[in-house]
Amino acid sequence: MTKNSDVRTYGKVCTISGKTFPGDTDNFYVNKNSDDGLHPYHKQFDNFRRTTGASVDRVRQLVTLINS
């Protein structure tokens, strides 16, 4: 189990992009069901996914394509 203070100190990895961001509510939505209390996707990637209607896997593929 990850403590909130650990995430905020070391950052949290977005599971869509694989990049690390500060683990706070400016970057991640609150999720009371997760161990650290934060959703696994960065807000900007999650908002893009929601607005386009794309699946998480499709957005991952797009990020991989852009980064290669």
PDB file of N, CA and C in Angstrom:
ATOM      1  N   MET A   1       0.836  -1.177   0.000  1.00  0.00           N
ATOM      2  CA  MET A   1       0.000   0.000   0.000  1.00  0.00           C
ATOM      3  C   MET A   1       0.885   1.246   0.000  1.00  0.00           C
ATOM      4  N   THR A   2       0.555   2.188  -0.842  1.00  0.00           N
ATOM      5  CA  THR A   2       1.323   3.425  -0.948  1.00  0.00           C
ATOM      6  C   THR A   2       0.681   4.495  -0.081  1.00  0.00           C
ATOM      7  N   LYS A   3       1.491   5.190   0.663  1.00  0.00           N
ATOM      8  CA  LYS A   3       0.972   6.277   1.485  1.00  0.00           C
ATOM      9  C   LYS A   3       0.889   7.540   0.646  1.00  0.00           C
ATOM     10  N   ASN A   4      -0.094   8.397   0.955  1.00  0.00           N
ATOM     11  CA  ASN A   4      -0.247   9.656   0.227  1.00  0.00           C
ATOM     12  C   ASN A   4       1.020  10.489   0.283  1.00  0.00           C
ATOM     13  N   SER A   5       1.688  10.521   1.431  1.00  0.00           N
ATOM     14  CA  SER A   5       2.895  11.337   1.565  1.00  0.00           C
ATOM     15  C   SER A   5       4.009  10.823   0.653  1.00  0.00           C
ATOM     16  N   ASP A   6       4.088   9.497   0.447  1.00  0.00           N
ATOM     17  CA  ASP A   6       5.090   8.934  -0.461  1.00  0.00           C
ATOM     18  C   ASP A   6       4.839   9.379  -1.894  1.00  0.00           C
ATOM     19  N   VAL A   7       3.591   9.366  -2.314  1.00  0.00           N
ATOM     20  CA  VAL A   7       3.234   9.758  -3.671  1.00  0.00           C
ATOM     21  C   VAL A   7       3.547  11.228  -3.877  1.00  0.00           C
ATOM     22  N   ARG A   8       3.216  12.039  -2.902  1.00  0.00           N
ATOM     23  CA  ARG A   8       3.437  13.479  -3.045  1.00  0.00           C
ATOM     24  C   ARG A   8       4.914  13.830  -3.010  1.00  0.00           C
ATOM     25  N   THR A   9       5.719  13.034  -2.328  1.00  0.00           N
ATOM     26  CA  THR A   9       7.152  13.291  -2.260  1.00  0.00           C
ATOM     27  C   THR A   9       7.853  12.856  -3.544  1.00  0.00           C
ATOM     28  N   TYR A  10       7.529  11.672  -4.025  1.00  0.00           N
ATOM     29  CA  TYR A  10       8.245  11.098  -5.161  1.00  0.00           C
ATOM     30  C   TYR A  10       7.538  11.264  -6.491  1.00  0.00           C
ATOM     31  N   GLY A  11       6.277  11.600  -6.488  1.00  0.00           N
ATOM     32  CA  GLY A  11       5.521  11.727  -7.720  1.00  0.00           C
ATOM     33  C   GLY A  11       4.716  10.480  -8.008  1.00  0.00           C
ATOM     34  N   LYS A  12       3.850  10.592  -8.988  1.00  0.00           N
ATOM     35  CA  LYS A  12       2.980   9.482  -9.367  1.00  0.00           C
ATOM     36  C   LYS A  12       3.080   9.297 -10.874  1.00  0.00           C
ATOM     37  N   VAL A  13       3.111   8.067 -11.302  1.00  0.00           N
ATOM     38  CA  VAL A  13       3.218   7.747 -12.721  1.00  0.00           C
ATOM     39  C   VAL A  13       1.823   7.656 -13.317  1.00  0.00           C
ATOM     40  N   CYS A  14       1.618   8.383 -14.405  1.00  0.00           N
ATOM     41  CA  CYS A  14       0.374   8.294 -15.161  1.00  0.00           C
ATOM     42  C   CYS A  14       0.405   6.973 -15.925  1.00  0.00           C
ATOM     43  N   THR A  15      -0.628   6.165 -15.762  1.00  0.00           N
ATOM     44  CA  THR A  15      -0.618   4.856 -16.411  1.00  0.00           C
ATOM     45  C   THR A  15      -0.950   4.930 -17.901  1.00  0.00           C
ATOM     46  N   ILE A  16      -1.347   6.097 -18.389  1.00  0.00           N
ATOM     47  CA  ILE A  16      -1.557   6.265 -19.834  1.00  0.00           C
ATOM     48  C   ILE A  16      -0.239   6.636 -20.507  1.00  0.00           C
ATOM     49  N   SER A  17       0.435   7.646 -19.969  1.00  0.00           N
ATOM     50  CA  SER A  17       1.641   8.162 -20.630  1.00  0.00           C
ATOM     51  C   SER A  17       2.932   7.529 -20.135  1.00  0.00           C
ATOM     52  N   GLY A  18       2.928   7.016 -18.914  1.00  0.00           N
ATOM     53  CA  GLY A  18       4.144   6.469 -18.326  1.00  0.00           C
ATOM     54  C   GLY A  18       5.045   7.541 -17.743  1.00  0.00           C
ATOM     55  N   LYS A  19       4.606   8.799 -17.769  1.00  0.00           N
ATOM     56  CA  LYS A  19       5.397   9.905 -17.231  1.00  0.00           C
ATOM     57  C   LYS A  19       5.059  10.143 -15.766  1.00  0.00           C
ATOM     58  N   THR A  20       6.028  10.694 -15.034  1.00  0.00           N
ATOM     59  CA  THR A  20       5.829  10.970 -13.617  1.00  0.00           C
ATOM     60  C   THR A  20       5.467  12.437 -13.418  1.00  0.00           C
ATOM     61  N   PHE A  21       4.450  12.652 -12.603  1.00  0.00           N
ATOM     62  CA  PHE A  21       3.974  13.992 -12.269  1.00  0.00           C
ATOM     63  C   PHE A  21       3.872  14.103 -10.752  1.00  0.00           C
ATOM     64  N   PRO A  22       3.896  15.321 -10.226  1.00  0.00           N
ATOM     65  CA  PRO A  22       3.661  15.469  -8.786  1.00  0.00           C
ATOM     66  C   PRO A  22       2.319  14.841  -8.415  1.00  0.00           C
ATOM     67  N   GLY A  23       2.313  14.037  -7.385  1.00  0.00           N
ATOM     68  CA  GLY A  23       1.105  13.323  -6.976  1.00  0.00           C
ATOM     69  C   GLY A  23       0.199  14.190  -6.130  1.00  0.00           C
ATOM     70  N   ASP A  24      -0.557  15.046  -6.783  1.00  0.00           N
ATOM     71  CA  ASP A  24      -1.481  15.914  -6.056  1.00  0.00           C
ATOM     72  C   ASP A  24      -2.757  16.087  -6.869  1.00  0.00           C
ATOM     73  N   THR A  25      -3.729  16.784  -6.297  1.00  0.00           N
ATOM     74  CA  THR A  25      -5.009  16.941  -6.969  1.00  0.00           C
ATOM     75  C   THR A  25      -4.969  17.970  -8.089  1.00  0.00           C
ATOM     76  N   ASP A  26      -3.846  18.643  -8.276  1.00  0.00           N
ATOM     77  CA  ASP A  26      -3.691  19.499  -9.454  1.00  0.00           C
ATOM     78  C   ASP A  26      -3.434  18.654 -10.697  1.00  0.00           C
ATOM     79  N   ASN A  27      -2.868  17.470 -10.506  1.00  0.00           N
ATOM     80  CA  ASN A  27      -2.496  16.599 -11.621  1.00  0.00           C
ATOM     81  C   ASN A  27      -3.345  15.342 -11.755  1.00  0.00           C
ATOM     82  N   PHE A  28      -3.950  14.890 -10.662  1.00  0.00           N
ATOM     83  CA  PHE A  28      -4.732  13.654 -10.674  1.00  0.00           C
ATOM     84  C   PHE A  28      -6.063  13.871  -9.964  1.00  0.00           C
ATOM     85  N   TYR A  29      -7.110  13.220 -10.465  1.00  0.00           N
ATOM     86  CA  TYR A  29      -8.412  13.283  -9.805  1.00  0.00           C
ATOM     87  C   TYR A  29      -8.366  12.435  -8.540  1.00  0.00           C
ATOM     88  N   VAL A  30      -9.236  12.752  -7.598  1.00  0.00           N
ATOM     89  CA  VAL A  30      -9.337  11.986  -6.356  1.00  0.00           C
ATOM     90  C   VAL A  30     -10.074  10.684  -6.647  1.00  0.00           C
ATOM     91  N   ASN A  31      -9.564   9.600  -6.076  1.00  0.00           N
ATOM     92  CA  ASN A  31     -10.197   8.290  -6.192  1.00  0.00           C
ATOM     93  C   ASN A  31     -10.061   7.607  -4.842  1.00  0.00           C
ATOM     94  N   LYS A  32     -11.127   7.599  -4.093  1.00  0.00           N
ATOM     95  CA  LYS A  32     -11.084   7.061  -2.726  1.00  0.00           C
ATOM     96  C   LYS A  32     -10.864   5.556  -2.686  1.00  0.00           C
ATOM     97  N   ASN A  33     -11.053   4.883  -3.813  1.00  0.00           N
ATOM     98  CA  ASN A  33     -10.869   3.427  -3.852  1.00  0.00           C
ATOM     99  C   ASN A  33      -9.424   3.004  -4.087  1.00  0.00           C
ATOM    100  N   SER A  34      -8.567   3.920  -4.505  1.00  0.00           N
ATOM    101  CA  SER A  34      -7.166   3.554  -4.769  1.00  0.00           C
ATOM    102  C   SER A  34      -6.342   3.679  -3.490  1.00  0.00           C
ATOM    103  N   ASP A  35      -5.212   3.001  -3.487  1.00  0.00           N
ATOM    104  CA  ASP A  35      -4.346   2.997  -2.300  1.00  0.00           C
ATOM    105  C   ASP A  35      -3.835   4.377  -1.938  1.00  0.00           C
ATOM    106  N   ASP A  36      -3.521   5.190  -2.947  1.00  0.00           N
ATOM    107  CA  ASP A  36      -2.964   6.515  -2.675  1.00  0.00           C
ATOM    108  C   ASP A  36      -4.011   7.621  -2.714  1.00  0.00           C
ATOM    109  N   GLY A  37      -5.256   7.282  -3.020  1.00  0.00           N
ATOM    110  CA  GLY A  37      -6.329   8.264  -3.043  1.00  0.00           C
ATOM    111  C   GLY A  37      -6.420   9.069  -4.325  1.00  0.00           C
ATOM    112  N   LEU A  38      -5.641   8.675  -5.338  1.00  0.00           N
ATOM    113  CA  LEU A  38      -5.633   9.408  -6.604  1.00  0.00           C
ATOM    114  C   LEU A  38      -5.906   8.465  -7.773  1.00  0.00           C
ATOM    115  N   HIS A  39      -6.568   8.981  -8.799  1.00  0.00           N
ATOM    116  CA  HIS A  39      -6.859   8.224 -10.017  1.00  0.00           C
ATOM    117  C   HIS A  39      -5.543   7.936 -10.745  1.00  0.00           C
ATOM    118  N   PRO A  40      -5.433   6.841 -11.490  1.00  0.00           N
ATOM    119  CA  PRO A  40      -4.151   6.494 -12.126  1.00  0.00           C
ATOM    120  C   PRO A  40      -3.785   7.301 -13.370  1.00  0.00           C
ATOM    121  N   TYR A  41      -4.726   8.109 -13.913  1.00  0.00           N
ATOM    122  CA  TYR A  41      -4.441   8.867 -15.124  1.00  0.00           C
ATOM    123  C   TYR A  41      -4.265  10.350 -14.801  1.00  0.00           C
ATOM    124  N   HIS A  42      -3.288  10.989 -15.423  1.00  0.00           N
ATOM    125  CA  HIS A  42      -3.106  12.433 -15.291  1.00  0.00           C
ATOM    126  C   HIS A  42      -4.355  13.124 -15.826  1.00  0.00           C
ATOM    127  N   LYS A  43      -4.747  14.227 -15.223  1.00  0.00           N
ATOM    128  CA  LYS A  43      -5.983  14.918 -15.588  1.00  0.00           C
ATOM    129  C   LYS A  43      -6.047  15.270 -17.078  1.00  0.00           C
ATOM    130  N   GLN A  44      -4.969  15.780 -17.633  1.00  0.00           N
ATOM    131  CA  GLN A  44      -5.004  16.195 -19.043  1.00  0.00           C
ATOM    132  C   GLN A  44      -5.199  15.012 -19.980  1.00  0.00           C
ATOM    133  N   PHE A  45      -4.526  13.902 -19.683  1.00  0.00           N
ATOM    134  CA  PHE A  45      -4.701  12.710 -20.524  1.00  0.00           C
ATOM    135  C   PHE A  45      -6.104  12.146 -20.357  1.00  0.00           C
ATOM    136  N   ASP A  46      -6.628  12.159 -19.137  1.00  0.00           N
ATOM    137  CA  ASP A  46      -7.964  11.644 -18.880  1.00  0.00           C
ATOM    138  C   ASP A  46      -9.025  12.533 -19.530  1.00  0.00           C
ATOM    139  N   ASN A  47      -8.841  13.840 -19.468  1.00  0.00           N
ATOM    140  CA  ASN A  47      -9.793  14.754 -20.113  1.00  0.00           C
ATOM    141  C   ASN A  47      -9.788  14.569 -21.629  1.00  0.00           C
ATOM    142  N   PHE A  48      -8.604  14.396 -22.215  1.00  0.00           N
ATOM    143  CA  PHE A  48      -8.508  14.138 -23.653  1.00  0.00           C
ATOM    144  C   PHE A  48      -9.246  12.843 -23.999  1.00  0.00           C
ATOM    145  N   ARG A  49      -9.027  11.820 -23.202  1.00  0.00           N
ATOM    146  CA  ARG A  49      -9.678  10.527 -23.425  1.00  0.00           C
ATOM    147  C   ARG A  49     -11.195  10.661 -23.350  1.00  0.00           C
ATOM    148  N   ARG A  50     -11.680  11.385 -22.366  1.00  0.00           N
ATOM    149  CA  ARG A  50     -13.123  11.547 -22.196  1.00  0.00           C
ATOM    150  C   ARG A  50     -13.744  12.353 -23.330  1.00  0.00           C
ATOM    151  N   THR A  51     -13.093  13.448 -23.722  1.00  0.00           N
ATOM    152  CA  THR A  51     -13.657  14.316 -24.768  1.00  0.00           C
ATOM    153  C   THR A  51     -13.660  13.643 -26.132  1.00  0.00           C
ATOM    154  N   THR A  52     -12.653  12.863 -26.409  1.00  0.00           N
ATOM    155  CA  THR A  52     -12.589  12.199 -27.718  1.00  0.00           C
ATOM    156  C   THR A  52     -13.366  10.892 -27.746  1.00  0.00           C
ATOM    157  N   GLY A  53     -13.678  10.362 -26.568  1.00  0.00           N
ATOM    158  CA  GLY A  53     -14.384   9.085 -26.512  1.00  0.00           C
ATOM    159  C   GLY A  53     -13.472   7.900 -26.780  1.00  0.00           C
ATOM    160  N   ALA A  54     -12.172   8.152 -26.753  1.00  0.00           N
ATOM    161  CA  ALA A  54     -11.201   7.084 -27.022  1.00  0.00           C
ATOM    162  C   ALA A  54     -11.009   6.210 -25.785  1.00  0.00           C
ATOM    163  N   SER A  55     -10.622   4.985 -26.016  1.00  0.00           N
ATOM    164  CA  SER A  55     -10.313   4.090 -24.904  1.00  0.00           C
ATOM    165  C   SER A  55      -8.919   4.415 -24.363  1.00  0.00           C
ATOM    166  N   VAL A  56      -8.644   3.925 -23.186  1.00  0.00           N
ATOM    167  CA  VAL A  56      -7.324   4.122 -22.582  1.00  0.00           C
ATOM    168  C   VAL A  56      -6.247   3.524 -23.484  1.00  0.00           C
ATOM    169  N   ASP A  57      -6.504   2.349 -24.038  1.00  0.00           N
ATOM    170  CA  ASP A  57      -5.512   1.704 -24.915  1.00  0.00           C
ATOM    171  C   ASP A  57      -5.227   2.541 -26.159  1.00  0.00           C
ATOM    172  N   ARG A  58      -6.257   3.162 -26.732  1.00  0.00           N
ATOM    173  CA  ARG A  58      -6.067   4.005 -27.917  1.00  0.00           C
ATOM    174  C   ARG A  58      -5.224   5.238 -27.593  1.00  0.00           C
ATOM    175  N   VAL A  59      -5.485   5.851 -26.440  1.00  0.00           N
ATOM    176  CA  VAL A  59      -4.712   7.029 -26.046  1.00  0.00           C
ATOM    177  C   VAL A  59      -3.267   6.622 -25.774  1.00  0.00           C
ATOM    178  N   ARG A  60      -3.058   5.465 -25.162  1.00  0.00           N
ATOM    179  CA  ARG A  60      -1.688   4.955 -24.947  1.00  0.00           C
ATOM    180  C   ARG A  60      -0.970   4.787 -26.276  1.00  0.00           C
ATOM    181  N   GLN A  61      -1.655   4.213 -27.262  1.00  0.00           N
ATOM    182  CA  GLN A  61      -1.052   4.033 -28.582  1.00  0.00           C
ATOM    183  C   GLN A  61      -0.682   5.381 -29.198  1.00  0.00           C
ATOM    184  N   LEU A  62      -1.558   6.358 -29.055  1.00  0.00           N
ATOM    185  CA  LEU A  62      -1.291   7.692 -29.593  1.00  0.00           C
ATOM    186  C   LEU A  62      -0.092   8.330 -28.914  1.00  0.00           C
ATOM    187  N   VAL A  63      -0.012   8.227 -27.607  1.00  0.00           N
ATOM    188  CA  VAL A  63       1.120   8.782 -26.853  1.00  0.00           C
ATOM    189  C   VAL A  63       2.417   8.099 -27.270  1.00  0.00           C
ATOM    190  N   THR A  64       2.380   6.780 -27.430  1.00  0.00           N
ATOM    191  CA  THR A  64       3.553   6.026 -27.863  1.00  0.00           C
ATOM    192  C   THR A  64       3.987   6.474 -29.251  1.00  0.00           C
ATOM    193  N   LEU A  65       3.020   6.656 -30.147  1.00  0.00           N
ATOM    194  CA  LEU A  65       3.333   7.095 -31.504  1.00  0.00           C
ATOM    195  C   LEU A  65       3.960   8.492 -31.503  1.00  0.00           C
ATOM    196  N   ILE A  66       3.407   9.393 -30.704  1.00  0.00           N
ATOM    197  CA  ILE A  66       3.935  10.765 -30.623  1.00  0.00           C
ATOM    198  C   ILE A  66       5.343  10.768 -30.051  1.00  0.00           C
ATOM    199  N   ASN A  67       5.587   9.927 -29.053  1.00  0.00           N
ATOM    200  CA  ASN A  67       6.887   9.913 -28.378  1.00  0.00           C
ATOM    201  C   ASN A  67       7.963   9.152 -29.145  1.00  0.00           C
ATOM    202  N   SER A  68       7.591   8.430 -30.187  1.00  0.00           N
ATOM    203  CA  SER A  68       8.608   7.642 -30.910  1.00  0.00           C
ATOM    204  C   SER A  68       9.193   8.397 -32.079  1.00  0.00           C
TER     205      SER A  68
END
